[in-house]
Amino acid sequence: MIQIDDKIISLDLYTARFSCDLGVCRGQCCVEGDAGAPLDKEEIALLENAWDDYAPYMTPEGKRAVEEQGVGVIDEDGDLTTPLVNGAECAYTIRENGVTWCAIEKAWSEGKTPFRKPISCHLYPIRLIRLSNGVTGLQYHRWKVCRAAETLGIKKGEPLYKTLREPIIRRFGENFYREMEACEAELVKMGEI
């Protein structure tokens, strides 16, 4: 583990290789699982304020789920997450050409909203763990539906944290990312990775 300020970073972020391969997985991370994607409390207002921007991209079932449950829900573990359609896929999913992805991100990509998508989705497969002492842990979440991403990541050879440069900077800032790079250089120098 590496600590930068009040963040503890798993070494997996430096050693793992990961690159989404939508051609193989078809966006299963938006469909599989027993809960929606984690949300930050601050994202509820963003989702509510941008509703008119991204709702036209959603499926009728997804819209109905949000209208009935709200833009975020508390799951059975007490965590704030995206709502699900019939207890399965995320309410914000859409399907195009056999690939599942995010209606919010589609609206963002077309310049309709400044909110790209929940940060937990953008950071995936990095999961943020909030510890009782106020420290945030950054961990690599391994999941069978992402095996193709691991295979492609190995072919590309780039460490996980570099693959996720943009969302890491979005969440923690440029200085934090530069600190991660400096830590990688030290780990290589010491023969740790």
N, C-alpha and C. Protein backbone atom coordinates (compact mmCIF):
# COMPACT_ATOMS: atom_id res chain seq x y z
N MET A 1 0.83 -1.18 0.00
CA MET A 1 0.00 0.00 0.00
C MET A 1 0.88 1.25 0.00
N ILE A 2 0.37 2.26 -0.67
CA ILE A 2 1.05 3.56 -0.74
C ILE A 2 0.09 4.59 -0.14
N GLN A 3 0.61 5.53 0.62
CA GLN A 3 -0.24 6.60 1.14
C GLN A 3 0.20 7.93 0.56
N ILE A 4 -0.78 8.64 0.00
CA ILE A 4 -0.59 10.00 -0.48
C ILE A 4 -1.65 10.84 0.22
N ASP A 5 -1.21 11.77 1.05
CA ASP A 5 -2.13 12.59 1.84
C ASP A 5 -3.07 11.67 2.61
N ASP A 6 -4.38 11.84 2.43
CA ASP A 6 -5.35 11.02 3.17
C ASP A 6 -5.93 9.90 2.30
N LYS A 7 -5.10 9.40 1.37
CA LYS A 7 -5.52 8.32 0.50
C LYS A 7 -4.53 7.17 0.59
N ILE A 8 -5.06 5.97 0.67
CA ILE A 8 -4.24 4.76 0.66
C ILE A 8 -4.51 4.05 -0.66
N ILE A 9 -3.44 3.77 -1.39
CA ILE A 9 -3.55 3.22 -2.74
C ILE A 9 -3.02 1.80 -2.76
N SER A 10 -3.84 0.89 -3.23
CA SER A 10 -3.41 -0.49 -3.38
C SER A 10 -2.33 -0.57 -4.45
N LEU A 11 -1.32 -1.41 -4.23
CA LEU A 11 -0.26 -1.59 -5.22
C LEU A 11 -0.81 -2.15 -6.53
N ASP A 12 -1.99 -2.78 -6.46
CA ASP A 12 -2.61 -3.31 -7.68
C ASP A 12 -2.81 -2.23 -8.73
N LEU A 13 -3.00 -0.99 -8.32
CA LEU A 13 -3.21 0.08 -9.29
C LEU A 13 -1.95 0.32 -10.13
N TYR A 14 -0.80 -0.11 -9.61
CA TYR A 14 0.46 0.01 -10.33
C TYR A 14 0.83 -1.27 -11.09
N THR A 15 0.38 -2.41 -10.58
CA THR A 15 0.80 -3.68 -11.16
C THR A 15 -0.24 -4.28 -12.11
N ALA A 16 -1.51 -4.01 -11.90
CA ALA A 16 -2.56 -4.60 -12.74
C ALA A 16 -2.62 -3.89 -14.09
N ARG A 17 -3.04 -4.63 -15.06
CA ARG A 17 -3.26 -4.10 -16.41
C ARG A 17 -4.73 -4.28 -16.73
N PHE A 18 -5.35 -3.21 -17.25
CA PHE A 18 -6.80 -3.23 -17.48
C PHE A 18 -7.13 -2.22 -18.56
N SER A 19 -7.91 -2.64 -19.54
CA SER A 19 -8.38 -1.74 -20.59
C SER A 19 -9.72 -2.27 -21.08
N CYS A 20 -10.79 -1.52 -20.84
CA CYS A 20 -12.13 -1.98 -21.21
C CYS A 20 -12.15 -2.49 -22.65
N ASP A 21 -12.80 -3.62 -22.84
CA ASP A 21 -12.93 -4.23 -24.16
C ASP A 21 -14.41 -4.44 -24.43
N LEU A 22 -15.10 -3.35 -24.76
CA LEU A 22 -16.55 -3.39 -24.97
C LEU A 22 -16.97 -4.35 -26.07
N GLY A 23 -16.08 -4.60 -27.02
CA GLY A 23 -16.39 -5.54 -28.08
C GLY A 23 -16.60 -6.95 -27.56
N VAL A 24 -16.00 -7.25 -26.42
CA VAL A 24 -16.12 -8.58 -25.82
C VAL A 24 -17.15 -8.58 -24.69
N CYS A 25 -17.02 -7.67 -23.75
CA CYS A 25 -17.88 -7.71 -22.56
C CYS A 25 -19.26 -7.12 -22.79
N ARG A 26 -19.38 -6.24 -23.78
CA ARG A 26 -20.66 -5.63 -24.16
C ARG A 26 -21.29 -4.79 -23.05
N GLY A 27 -20.46 -4.31 -22.10
CA GLY A 27 -20.96 -3.43 -21.04
C GLY A 27 -21.67 -4.14 -19.91
N GLN A 28 -21.28 -5.38 -19.64
CA GLN A 28 -21.93 -6.16 -18.59
C GLN A 28 -21.83 -5.55 -17.20
N CYS A 29 -20.83 -4.69 -16.96
CA CYS A 29 -20.69 -4.09 -15.63
C CYS A 29 -21.88 -3.20 -15.29
N CYS A 30 -22.62 -2.75 -16.30
CA CYS A 30 -23.81 -1.92 -16.06
C CYS A 30 -25.05 -2.76 -15.82
N VAL A 31 -24.92 -4.07 -16.01
CA VAL A 31 -26.07 -4.97 -15.94
C VAL A 31 -25.95 -5.96 -14.78
N GLU A 32 -24.77 -6.52 -14.61
CA GLU A 32 -24.54 -7.56 -13.59
C GLU A 32 -24.45 -6.94 -12.20
N GLY A 33 -24.55 -7.79 -11.20
CA GLY A 33 -24.37 -7.35 -9.83
C GLY A 33 -25.67 -7.34 -9.06
N ASP A 34 -25.56 -7.06 -7.77
CA ASP A 34 -26.74 -7.08 -6.91
C ASP A 34 -27.13 -5.70 -6.41
N ALA A 35 -26.47 -4.67 -6.91
CA ALA A 35 -26.78 -3.29 -6.51
C ALA A 35 -26.37 -2.35 -7.64
N GLY A 36 -26.85 -1.13 -7.57
CA GLY A 36 -26.46 -0.13 -8.56
C GLY A 36 -25.05 0.36 -8.29
N ALA A 37 -24.59 1.28 -9.13
CA ALA A 37 -23.26 1.86 -8.97
C ALA A 37 -23.24 2.80 -7.76
N PRO A 38 -22.16 2.80 -7.00
CA PRO A 38 -22.06 3.72 -5.86
C PRO A 38 -22.18 5.18 -6.30
N LEU A 39 -22.84 5.97 -5.48
CA LEU A 39 -22.98 7.41 -5.73
C LEU A 39 -22.42 8.19 -4.54
N ASP A 40 -21.85 9.35 -4.82
CA ASP A 40 -21.49 10.30 -3.77
C ASP A 40 -22.73 11.14 -3.48
N LYS A 41 -22.89 11.58 -2.24
CA LYS A 41 -24.05 12.41 -1.87
C LYS A 41 -24.17 13.63 -2.77
N GLU A 42 -23.02 14.22 -3.13
CA GLU A 42 -23.02 15.43 -3.97
C GLU A 42 -23.58 15.15 -5.36
N GLU A 43 -23.52 13.90 -5.79
CA GLU A 43 -23.99 13.56 -7.13
C GLU A 43 -25.51 13.55 -7.24
N ILE A 44 -26.21 13.43 -6.12
CA ILE A 44 -27.67 13.43 -6.16
C ILE A 44 -28.18 14.74 -6.76
N ALA A 45 -27.67 15.86 -6.29
CA ALA A 45 -28.10 17.16 -6.83
C ALA A 45 -27.72 17.28 -8.30
N LEU A 46 -26.53 16.79 -8.67
CA LEU A 46 -26.12 16.84 -10.08
C LEU A 46 -27.07 16.02 -10.95
N LEU A 47 -27.43 14.83 -10.49
CA LEU A 47 -28.35 13.98 -11.24
C LEU A 47 -29.74 14.62 -11.34
N GLU A 48 -30.20 15.20 -10.24
CA GLU A 48 -31.51 15.86 -10.26
C GLU A 48 -31.51 17.07 -11.19
N ASN A 49 -30.47 17.88 -11.11
CA ASN A 49 -30.40 19.10 -11.94
C ASN A 49 -30.25 18.80 -13.42
N ALA A 50 -29.61 17.69 -13.76
CA ALA A 50 -29.36 17.34 -15.16
C ALA A 50 -30.43 16.41 -15.74
N TRP A 51 -31.44 16.06 -14.96
CA TRP A 51 -32.47 15.11 -15.39
C TRP A 51 -33.03 15.43 -16.78
N ASP A 52 -33.41 16.66 -17.01
CA ASP A 52 -33.99 17.01 -18.32
C ASP A 52 -32.99 16.87 -19.46
N ASP A 53 -31.70 16.90 -19.14
CA ASP A 53 -30.66 16.78 -20.17
C ASP A 53 -30.44 15.33 -20.60
N TYR A 54 -30.45 14.40 -19.64
CA TYR A 54 -30.14 13.01 -19.98
C TYR A 54 -31.36 12.09 -20.05
N ALA A 55 -32.49 12.48 -19.47
CA ALA A 55 -33.68 11.62 -19.49
C ALA A 55 -34.11 11.22 -20.91
N PRO A 56 -34.03 12.12 -21.90
CA PRO A 56 -34.44 11.71 -23.25
C PRO A 56 -33.63 10.55 -23.82
N TYR A 57 -32.45 10.29 -23.28
CA TYR A 57 -31.60 9.20 -23.77
C TYR A 57 -31.92 7.86 -23.09
N MET A 58 -32.67 7.91 -22.00
CA MET A 58 -32.94 6.71 -21.21
C MET A 58 -34.03 5.85 -21.82
N THR A 59 -34.04 4.59 -21.41
CA THR A 59 -35.10 3.68 -21.81
C THR A 59 -36.37 4.03 -21.01
N PRO A 60 -37.54 3.67 -21.52
CA PRO A 60 -38.77 3.91 -20.74
C PRO A 60 -38.72 3.23 -19.37
N GLU A 61 -38.14 2.02 -19.31
CA GLU A 61 -38.04 1.30 -18.04
C GLU A 61 -37.10 2.01 -17.08
N GLY A 62 -36.02 2.55 -17.59
CA GLY A 62 -35.07 3.29 -16.76
C GLY A 62 -35.69 4.56 -16.21
N LYS A 63 -36.41 5.29 -17.07
CA LYS A 63 -37.09 6.52 -16.61
C LYS A 63 -38.09 6.20 -15.51
N ARG A 64 -38.86 5.13 -15.74
CA ARG A 64 -39.87 4.75 -14.75
C ARG A 64 -39.20 4.39 -13.42
N ALA A 65 -38.08 3.67 -13.47
CA ALA A 65 -37.37 3.29 -12.24
C ALA A 65 -36.92 4.54 -11.47
N VAL A 66 -36.39 5.53 -12.18
CA VAL A 66 -35.94 6.77 -11.53
C VAL A 66 -37.14 7.55 -10.98
N GLU A 67 -38.20 7.62 -11.76
CA GLU A 67 -39.39 8.34 -11.29
C GLU A 67 -39.98 7.70 -10.04
N GLU A 68 -39.91 6.37 -9.94
CA GLU A 68 -40.48 5.66 -8.79
C GLU A 68 -39.52 5.62 -7.60
N GLN A 69 -38.20 5.49 -7.87
CA GLN A 69 -37.23 5.28 -6.79
C GLN A 69 -36.40 6.51 -6.45
N GLY A 70 -36.31 7.44 -7.40
CA GLY A 70 -35.44 8.60 -7.24
C GLY A 70 -34.15 8.39 -8.01
N VAL A 71 -33.34 9.46 -8.12
CA VAL A 71 -32.10 9.38 -8.90
C VAL A 71 -31.04 8.53 -8.20
N GLY A 72 -31.19 8.32 -6.91
CA GLY A 72 -30.30 7.48 -6.13
C GLY A 72 -31.11 6.77 -5.06
N VAL A 73 -30.64 5.61 -4.64
CA VAL A 73 -31.34 4.82 -3.62
C VAL A 73 -30.34 4.34 -2.57
N ILE A 74 -30.85 3.98 -1.42
CA ILE A 74 -30.03 3.34 -0.40
C ILE A 74 -30.24 1.83 -0.57
N ASP A 75 -29.15 1.11 -0.83
CA ASP A 75 -29.27 -0.33 -1.07
C ASP A 75 -29.35 -1.08 0.25
N GLU A 76 -29.43 -2.41 0.18
CA GLU A 76 -29.60 -3.22 1.39
C GLU A 76 -28.40 -3.17 2.32
N ASP A 77 -27.24 -2.72 1.83
CA ASP A 77 -26.07 -2.55 2.68
C ASP A 77 -25.98 -1.15 3.29
N GLY A 78 -26.96 -0.30 2.95
CA GLY A 78 -26.96 1.06 3.47
C GLY A 78 -26.14 2.03 2.64
N ASP A 79 -25.75 1.62 1.43
CA ASP A 79 -24.94 2.46 0.55
C ASP A 79 -25.83 3.20 -0.45
N LEU A 80 -25.41 4.40 -0.83
CA LEU A 80 -26.11 5.19 -1.83
C LEU A 80 -25.68 4.71 -3.20
N THR A 81 -26.65 4.31 -4.03
CA THR A 81 -26.34 3.75 -5.35
C THR A 81 -27.35 4.24 -6.39
N THR A 82 -27.05 3.93 -7.64
CA THR A 82 -28.00 4.21 -8.71
C THR A 82 -29.17 3.23 -8.58
N PRO A 83 -30.36 3.65 -8.99
CA PRO A 83 -31.50 2.72 -8.94
C PRO A 83 -31.36 1.65 -10.01
N LEU A 84 -32.07 0.54 -9.80
CA LEU A 84 -32.06 -0.57 -10.75
C LEU A 84 -33.42 -0.73 -11.42
N VAL A 85 -33.42 -1.32 -12.58
CA VAL A 85 -34.66 -1.69 -13.27
C VAL A 85 -34.95 -3.13 -12.90
N ASN A 86 -36.07 -3.34 -12.23
CA ASN A 86 -36.49 -4.68 -11.82
C ASN A 86 -35.39 -5.45 -11.08
N GLY A 87 -34.62 -4.76 -10.26
CA GLY A 87 -33.58 -5.40 -9.47
C GLY A 87 -32.39 -5.91 -10.27
N ALA A 88 -32.26 -5.48 -11.51
CA ALA A 88 -31.18 -5.99 -12.38
C ALA A 88 -30.27 -4.86 -12.82
N GLU A 89 -30.43 -4.38 -14.05
CA GLU A 89 -29.51 -3.39 -14.62
C GLU A 89 -29.72 -1.99 -14.05
N CYS A 90 -28.69 -1.19 -14.15
CA CYS A 90 -28.75 0.20 -13.72
C CYS A 90 -29.83 0.93 -14.52
N ALA A 91 -30.57 1.78 -13.86
CA ALA A 91 -31.66 2.52 -14.52
C ALA A 91 -31.15 3.44 -15.62
N TYR A 92 -29.87 3.82 -15.57
CA TYR A 92 -29.32 4.76 -16.55
C TYR A 92 -28.73 4.07 -17.78
N THR A 93 -28.88 2.76 -17.88
CA THR A 93 -28.30 2.05 -19.03
C THR A 93 -29.11 2.26 -20.30
N ILE A 94 -28.37 2.21 -21.39
CA ILE A 94 -28.97 2.18 -22.73
C ILE A 94 -28.22 1.10 -23.51
N ARG A 95 -28.82 0.65 -24.59
CA ARG A 95 -28.16 -0.34 -25.44
C ARG A 95 -28.10 0.20 -26.87
N GLU A 96 -26.90 0.13 -27.42
CA GLU A 96 -26.71 0.52 -28.82
C GLU A 96 -25.78 -0.48 -29.47
N ASN A 97 -26.21 -1.02 -30.58
CA ASN A 97 -25.40 -2.00 -31.32
C ASN A 97 -24.94 -3.15 -30.44
N GLY A 98 -25.83 -3.59 -29.55
CA GLY A 98 -25.52 -4.73 -28.69
C GLY A 98 -24.62 -4.41 -27.51
N VAL A 99 -24.28 -3.14 -27.30
CA VAL A 99 -23.42 -2.74 -26.19
C VAL A 99 -24.24 -1.91 -25.20
N THR A 100 -24.10 -2.24 -23.92
CA THR A 100 -24.77 -1.49 -22.86
C THR A 100 -23.82 -0.41 -22.37
N TRP A 101 -24.34 0.81 -22.25
CA TRP A 101 -23.55 1.88 -21.68
C TRP A 101 -24.47 2.90 -21.05
N CYS A 102 -23.99 4.10 -20.74
CA CYS A 102 -24.69 5.05 -19.88
C CYS A 102 -25.41 6.15 -20.66
N ALA A 103 -26.70 6.32 -20.37
CA ALA A 103 -27.48 7.40 -21.00
C ALA A 103 -26.93 8.77 -20.60
N ILE A 104 -26.45 8.89 -19.36
CA ILE A 104 -25.91 10.17 -18.89
C ILE A 104 -24.66 10.50 -19.70
N GLU A 105 -23.80 9.50 -19.88
CA GLU A 105 -22.57 9.73 -20.64
C GLU A 105 -22.87 10.04 -22.11
N LYS A 106 -23.91 9.43 -22.65
CA LYS A 106 -24.27 9.73 -24.03
C LYS A 106 -24.70 11.20 -24.14
N ALA A 107 -25.53 11.66 -23.21
CA ALA A 107 -25.94 13.07 -23.21
C ALA A 107 -24.72 13.98 -23.07
N TRP A 108 -23.78 13.60 -22.20
CA TRP A 108 -22.54 14.37 -22.03
C TRP A 108 -21.73 14.40 -23.32
N SER A 109 -21.60 13.24 -23.98
CA SER A 109 -20.79 13.18 -25.20
C SER A 109 -21.38 14.01 -26.33
N GLU A 110 -22.68 14.27 -26.26
CA GLU A 110 -23.33 15.11 -27.26
C GLU A 110 -23.48 16.55 -26.79
N GLY A 111 -22.82 16.91 -25.70
CA GLY A 111 -22.81 18.28 -25.21
C GLY A 111 -24.10 18.74 -24.56
N LYS A 112 -24.93 17.80 -24.13
CA LYS A 112 -26.23 18.16 -23.54
C LYS A 112 -26.17 18.40 -22.04
N THR A 113 -25.13 17.89 -21.38
CA THR A 113 -25.01 18.06 -19.93
C THR A 113 -23.52 18.15 -19.55
N PRO A 114 -23.19 18.93 -18.53
CA PRO A 114 -21.80 18.99 -18.08
C PRO A 114 -21.43 17.81 -17.18
N PHE A 115 -22.43 17.07 -16.69
CA PHE A 115 -22.18 15.94 -15.80
C PHE A 115 -21.96 14.69 -16.64
N ARG A 116 -20.76 14.10 -16.55
CA ARG A 116 -20.41 12.98 -17.43
C ARG A 116 -21.10 11.69 -17.03
N LYS A 117 -20.96 11.30 -15.80
CA LYS A 117 -21.58 10.11 -15.22
C LYS A 117 -21.07 10.01 -13.79
N PRO A 118 -21.67 9.15 -12.96
CA PRO A 118 -21.18 9.02 -11.60
C PRO A 118 -19.68 8.69 -11.58
N ILE A 119 -18.97 9.27 -10.65
CA ILE A 119 -17.52 9.08 -10.59
C ILE A 119 -17.15 7.62 -10.36
N SER A 120 -17.99 6.87 -9.66
CA SER A 120 -17.67 5.45 -9.43
C SER A 120 -17.65 4.68 -10.75
N CYS A 121 -18.50 5.06 -11.68
CA CYS A 121 -18.52 4.42 -13.00
C CYS A 121 -17.30 4.84 -13.81
N HIS A 122 -16.95 6.11 -13.74
CA HIS A 122 -15.81 6.62 -14.50
C HIS A 122 -14.50 6.02 -13.97
N LEU A 123 -14.40 5.81 -12.67
CA LEU A 123 -13.20 5.25 -12.07
C LEU A 123 -13.09 3.73 -12.20
N TYR A 124 -14.18 3.06 -12.52
CA TYR A 124 -14.17 1.61 -12.49
C TYR A 124 -13.08 1.03 -13.38
N PRO A 125 -12.30 0.05 -12.91
CA PRO A 125 -12.50 -0.87 -11.79
C PRO A 125 -11.86 -0.43 -10.46
N ILE A 126 -11.51 0.84 -10.34
CA ILE A 126 -11.07 1.34 -9.03
C ILE A 126 -12.31 1.61 -8.20
N ARG A 127 -12.32 1.07 -7.00
CA ARG A 127 -13.39 1.35 -6.06
C ARG A 127 -12.81 2.15 -4.90
N LEU A 128 -13.57 3.15 -4.46
CA LEU A 128 -13.16 3.98 -3.34
C LEU A 128 -13.79 3.42 -2.07
N ILE A 129 -12.96 3.24 -1.06
CA ILE A 129 -13.40 2.72 0.23
C ILE A 129 -13.16 3.83 1.25
N ARG A 130 -14.22 4.23 1.94
CA ARG A 130 -14.08 5.26 2.96
C ARG A 130 -13.88 4.60 4.31
N LEU A 131 -12.73 4.86 4.92
CA LEU A 131 -12.40 4.25 6.19
C LEU A 131 -12.87 5.14 7.34
N SER A 132 -13.04 4.54 8.50
CA SER A 132 -13.59 5.28 9.65
C SER A 132 -12.72 6.44 10.10
N ASN A 133 -11.42 6.39 9.80
CA ASN A 133 -10.52 7.47 10.22
C ASN A 133 -10.47 8.62 9.21
N GLY A 134 -11.36 8.59 8.20
CA GLY A 134 -11.41 9.67 7.22
C GLY A 134 -10.54 9.43 6.00
N VAL A 135 -9.78 8.36 6.01
CA VAL A 135 -8.90 8.03 4.89
C VAL A 135 -9.73 7.35 3.79
N THR A 136 -9.37 7.62 2.54
CA THR A 136 -10.01 6.97 1.40
C THR A 136 -9.05 5.96 0.81
N GLY A 137 -9.53 4.74 0.65
CA GLY A 137 -8.73 3.70 0.02
C GLY A 137 -9.10 3.57 -1.45
N LEU A 138 -8.10 3.41 -2.30
CA LEU A 138 -8.31 3.15 -3.72
C LEU A 138 -7.92 1.70 -3.97
N GLN A 139 -8.90 0.87 -4.32
CA GLN A 139 -8.67 -0.54 -4.52
C GLN A 139 -9.09 -0.97 -5.92
N TYR A 140 -8.43 -2.00 -6.40
CA TYR A 140 -8.77 -2.61 -7.69
C TYR A 140 -9.85 -3.65 -7.45
N HIS A 141 -11.00 -3.48 -8.07
CA HIS A 141 -12.11 -4.42 -7.94
C HIS A 141 -12.06 -5.40 -9.10
N ARG A 142 -11.70 -6.62 -8.81
CA ARG A 142 -11.66 -7.66 -9.84
C ARG A 142 -13.03 -8.31 -9.95
N TRP A 143 -13.45 -8.52 -11.21
CA TRP A 143 -14.78 -9.07 -11.44
C TRP A 143 -14.72 -9.92 -12.70
N LYS A 144 -15.37 -11.08 -12.66
CA LYS A 144 -15.29 -12.01 -13.79
C LYS A 144 -15.77 -11.41 -15.10
N VAL A 145 -16.72 -10.48 -15.07
CA VAL A 145 -17.22 -9.90 -16.32
C VAL A 145 -16.17 -9.01 -16.99
N CYS A 146 -15.08 -8.72 -16.28
CA CYS A 146 -14.03 -7.86 -16.82
C CYS A 146 -12.76 -8.61 -17.22
N ARG A 147 -12.84 -9.91 -17.37
CA ARG A 147 -11.64 -10.68 -17.74
C ARG A 147 -11.07 -10.22 -19.08
N ALA A 148 -11.95 -9.89 -20.03
CA ALA A 148 -11.47 -9.42 -21.34
C ALA A 148 -10.69 -8.12 -21.19
N ALA A 149 -11.09 -7.27 -20.25
CA ALA A 149 -10.38 -6.01 -20.01
C ALA A 149 -8.99 -6.27 -19.43
N GLU A 150 -8.87 -7.30 -18.61
CA GLU A 150 -7.56 -7.66 -18.07
C GLU A 150 -6.66 -8.17 -19.19
N THR A 151 -7.22 -9.01 -20.07
CA THR A 151 -6.46 -9.55 -21.19
C THR A 151 -5.98 -8.43 -22.11
N LEU A 152 -6.89 -7.51 -22.47
CA LEU A 152 -6.51 -6.39 -23.33
C LEU A 152 -5.51 -5.48 -22.62
N GLY A 153 -5.70 -5.28 -21.33
CA GLY A 153 -4.76 -4.46 -20.56
C GLY A 153 -3.35 -5.03 -20.58
N ILE A 154 -3.24 -6.35 -20.48
CA ILE A 154 -1.92 -6.99 -20.52
C ILE A 154 -1.29 -6.75 -21.89
N LYS A 155 -2.08 -6.86 -22.95
CA LYS A 155 -1.55 -6.61 -24.30
C LYS A 155 -1.05 -5.18 -24.44
N LYS A 156 -1.80 -4.23 -23.88
CA LYS A 156 -1.41 -2.82 -23.98
C LYS A 156 -0.26 -2.48 -23.04
N GLY A 157 -0.18 -3.17 -21.91
CA GLY A 157 0.95 -3.02 -21.00
C GLY A 157 0.96 -1.79 -20.11
N GLU A 158 -0.12 -1.05 -20.07
CA GLU A 158 -0.15 0.19 -19.27
C GLU A 158 -0.73 -0.10 -17.88
N PRO A 159 -0.12 0.39 -16.81
CA PRO A 159 -0.67 0.18 -15.47
C PRO A 159 -2.09 0.73 -15.35
N LEU A 160 -2.88 0.10 -14.51
CA LEU A 160 -4.28 0.47 -14.32
C LEU A 160 -4.45 1.96 -14.04
N TYR A 161 -3.63 2.51 -13.14
CA TYR A 161 -3.82 3.92 -12.80
C TYR A 161 -3.59 4.84 -14.00
N LYS A 162 -2.70 4.46 -14.91
CA LYS A 162 -2.48 5.28 -16.11
C LYS A 162 -3.65 5.17 -17.08
N THR A 163 -4.24 3.99 -17.16
CA THR A 163 -5.43 3.80 -18.00
C THR A 163 -6.56 4.70 -17.50
N LEU A 164 -6.61 4.90 -16.20
CA LEU A 164 -7.69 5.69 -15.59
C LEU A 164 -7.24 7.10 -15.18
N ARG A 165 -6.29 7.63 -15.89
CA ARG A 165 -5.75 8.96 -15.60
C ARG A 165 -6.86 10.02 -15.52
N GLU A 166 -7.70 10.07 -16.54
CA GLU A 166 -8.74 11.11 -16.60
C GLU A 166 -9.69 11.07 -15.40
N PRO A 167 -10.29 9.91 -15.05
CA PRO A 167 -11.18 9.92 -13.89
C PRO A 167 -10.46 10.14 -12.56
N ILE A 168 -9.20 9.69 -12.46
CA ILE A 168 -8.45 9.94 -11.22
C ILE A 168 -8.26 11.45 -11.05
N ILE A 169 -7.89 12.12 -12.13
CA ILE A 169 -7.73 13.59 -12.06
C ILE A 169 -9.07 14.26 -11.79
N ARG A 170 -10.13 13.77 -12.42
CA ARG A 170 -11.47 14.34 -12.18
C ARG A 170 -11.82 14.27 -10.69
N ARG A 171 -11.52 13.16 -10.05
CA ARG A 171 -11.92 12.97 -8.66
C ARG A 171 -10.94 13.59 -7.66
N PHE A 172 -9.61 13.47 -7.94
CA PHE A 172 -8.62 13.86 -6.93
C PHE A 172 -7.71 15.01 -7.35
N GLY A 173 -7.72 15.38 -8.62
CA GLY A 173 -6.91 16.50 -9.08
C GLY A 173 -5.59 16.08 -9.70
N GLU A 174 -5.03 17.02 -10.46
CA GLU A 174 -3.78 16.80 -11.19
C GLU A 174 -2.60 16.53 -10.25
N ASN A 175 -2.53 17.26 -9.14
CA ASN A 175 -1.41 17.08 -8.21
C ASN A 175 -1.38 15.67 -7.63
N PHE A 176 -2.53 15.15 -7.28
CA PHE A 176 -2.61 13.79 -6.77
C PHE A 176 -2.10 12.80 -7.81
N TYR A 177 -2.52 12.98 -9.06
CA TYR A 177 -2.07 12.07 -10.11
C TYR A 177 -0.55 12.14 -10.28
N ARG A 178 0.01 13.34 -10.23
CA ARG A 178 1.47 13.47 -10.34
C ARG A 178 2.17 12.77 -9.17
N GLU A 179 1.57 12.81 -8.00
CA GLU A 179 2.11 12.09 -6.84
C GLU A 179 2.08 10.58 -7.10
N MET A 180 1.01 10.11 -7.73
CA MET A 180 0.93 8.69 -8.08
C MET A 180 2.07 8.31 -9.04
N GLU A 181 2.33 9.18 -10.01
CA GLU A 181 3.42 8.92 -10.95
C GLU A 181 4.77 8.88 -10.22
N ALA A 182 4.97 9.81 -9.30
CA ALA A 182 6.22 9.85 -8.54
C ALA A 182 6.38 8.58 -7.70
N CYS A 183 5.28 8.11 -7.13
CA CYS A 183 5.32 6.88 -6.34
C CYS A 183 5.69 5.69 -7.23
N GLU A 184 5.14 5.66 -8.44
CA GLU A 184 5.48 4.57 -9.35
C GLU A 184 6.98 4.57 -9.65
N ALA A 185 7.54 5.74 -9.90
CA ALA A 185 8.97 5.83 -10.18
C ALA A 185 9.79 5.31 -9.00
N GLU A 186 9.38 5.65 -7.78
CA GLU A 186 10.08 5.17 -6.58
C GLU A 186 9.94 3.66 -6.42
N LEU A 187 8.75 3.14 -6.67
CA LEU A 187 8.52 1.70 -6.56
C LEU A 187 9.38 0.93 -7.55
N VAL A 188 9.49 1.45 -8.77
CA VAL A 188 10.33 0.82 -9.80
C VAL A 188 11.79 0.87 -9.35
N LYS A 189 12.22 2.01 -8.86
CA LYS A 189 13.61 2.20 -8.42
C LYS A 189 13.97 1.23 -7.29
N MET A 190 13.01 0.98 -6.38
CA MET A 190 13.24 0.10 -5.25
C MET A 190 13.01 -1.37 -5.61
N GLY A 191 12.56 -1.63 -6.84
CA GLY A 191 12.31 -3.01 -7.27
C GLY A 191 11.03 -3.61 -6.71
N GLU A 192 10.12 -2.75 -6.24
CA GLU A 192 8.85 -3.22 -5.66
C GLU A 192 7.84 -3.61 -6.73
N ILE A 193 7.96 -2.99 -7.90
CA ILE A 193 7.07 -3.36 -9.02
C ILE A 193 7.89 -3.49 -10.28
